Amino acid sequence: MSPEPDCPQTAPYPVEVEAGKTYFWCACGKSSRQPFCDGSHKGTGFEPLRWQAEEGKRVFFCGCKQTKGAPLCDGSHNLIGKSA
């Protein structure tokens, strides 16, 4: 069974990204630099997700770590704590 990531917050992180810049999204939820990786995943079975901005704009990185569209928010935080 795969480990479950920590949930640092149940809302997305709005970030102004720069065109052509590469970002490393924290997938484990343990980073102190959310939503980006700080190396805290070591030994957790998680790896950061590399993502490159195609254009400069505001994007919303997932904060709950449950998105199906990683690293960007897909609204999955709205389902946390709700039964199916």
Protein backbone atom coordinates (compact mmCIF):
# COMPACT_ATOMS: atom_id res chain seq x y z
CA MET A 1 0.00 0.00 0.00
CA SER A 2 1.29 3.45 -0.90
CA PRO A 3 1.98 5.95 1.88
CA GLU A 4 -0.50 8.81 2.30
CA PRO A 5 0.85 12.36 2.01
CA ASP A 6 0.43 14.90 4.80
CA CYS A 7 -2.18 17.60 4.16
CA PRO A 8 -0.52 20.95 4.92
CA GLN A 9 -3.71 22.91 4.11
CA THR A 10 -7.14 22.29 2.61
CA ALA A 11 -6.89 25.12 0.09
CA PRO A 12 -4.69 25.72 -2.94
CA TYR A 13 -1.56 27.89 -2.89
CA PRO A 14 -1.86 30.81 -5.36
CA VAL A 15 1.55 31.47 -6.95
CA GLU A 16 2.65 33.90 -9.64
CA VAL A 17 4.87 31.71 -11.83
CA GLU A 18 7.49 32.84 -14.32
CA ALA A 19 7.41 31.65 -17.94
CA GLY A 20 9.98 28.92 -18.57
CA LYS A 21 10.86 28.47 -14.87
CA THR A 22 10.88 24.98 -13.37
CA TYR A 23 9.18 24.37 -10.02
CA PHE A 24 9.36 21.31 -7.77
CA TRP A 25 6.02 20.69 -6.08
CA CYS A 26 6.06 18.95 -2.70
CA ALA A 27 4.14 15.67 -3.03
CA CYS A 28 4.66 14.42 0.55
CA GLY A 29 3.18 17.43 2.37
CA LYS A 30 6.12 17.67 4.80
CA SER A 31 7.99 20.62 3.25
CA SER A 32 8.31 23.82 5.27
CA ARG A 33 8.40 25.70 1.93
CA GLN A 34 4.89 24.72 0.72
CA PRO A 35 3.85 24.23 -1.96
CA PHE A 36 7.45 23.55 -3.02
CA CYS A 37 9.93 20.86 -2.03
CA ASP A 38 12.58 21.44 0.65
CA GLY A 39 13.91 17.86 0.73
CA SER A 40 11.73 16.72 3.66
CA HIS A 41 10.47 13.77 1.57
CA LYS A 42 13.70 11.80 2.04
CA GLY A 43 12.80 8.34 3.32
CA THR A 44 9.04 8.81 2.85
CA GLY A 45 8.60 7.07 -0.51
CA PHE A 46 7.59 10.37 -2.13
CA GLU A 47 9.44 12.44 -4.71
CA PRO A 48 8.78 16.06 -5.70
CA LEU A 49 6.99 16.65 -9.00
CA ARG A 50 8.87 18.71 -11.57
CA TRP A 51 6.64 21.26 -13.32
CA GLN A 52 7.58 23.95 -15.83
CA ALA A 53 5.53 27.09 -16.34
CA GLU A 54 4.63 27.66 -19.98
CA GLU A 55 3.70 31.29 -19.34
CA GLY A 56 3.90 33.84 -16.58
CA LYS A 57 0.58 33.87 -14.69
CA ARG A 58 -1.09 33.00 -11.40
CA VAL A 59 -1.64 29.28 -10.88
CA PHE A 60 -3.04 27.37 -7.93
CA PHE A 61 -0.80 24.59 -6.61
CA CYS A 62 -2.55 21.84 -4.65
CA GLY A 63 -2.28 22.23 -0.88
CA CYS A 64 -4.10 19.08 0.23
CA LYS A 65 -1.93 16.72 -1.87
CA GLN A 66 -5.03 14.82 -3.09
CA THR A 67 -5.33 16.37 -6.57
CA LYS A 68 -5.64 14.13 -9.62
CA GLY A 69 -4.06 16.94 -11.71
CA ALA A 70 -0.79 17.28 -9.81
CA PRO A 71 0.71 19.68 -9.13
CA LEU A 72 -2.25 21.98 -9.74
CA CYS A 73 -5.44 22.10 -7.69
CA ASP A 74 -8.44 20.23 -9.11
CA GLY A 75 -10.82 20.95 -6.21
CA SER A 76 -10.14 17.68 -4.39
CA HIS A 77 -9.81 19.63 -1.12
CA ASN A 78 -13.58 20.10 -1.24
CA LEU A 79 -14.02 16.34 -0.72
CA ILE A 80 -11.75 15.98 2.33
CA GLY A 81 -13.73 14.62 5.26
CA LYS A 82 -16.81 13.88 3.15
CA SER A 83 -17.92 10.30 2.66
CA ALA A 84 -18.63 9.04 -0.83
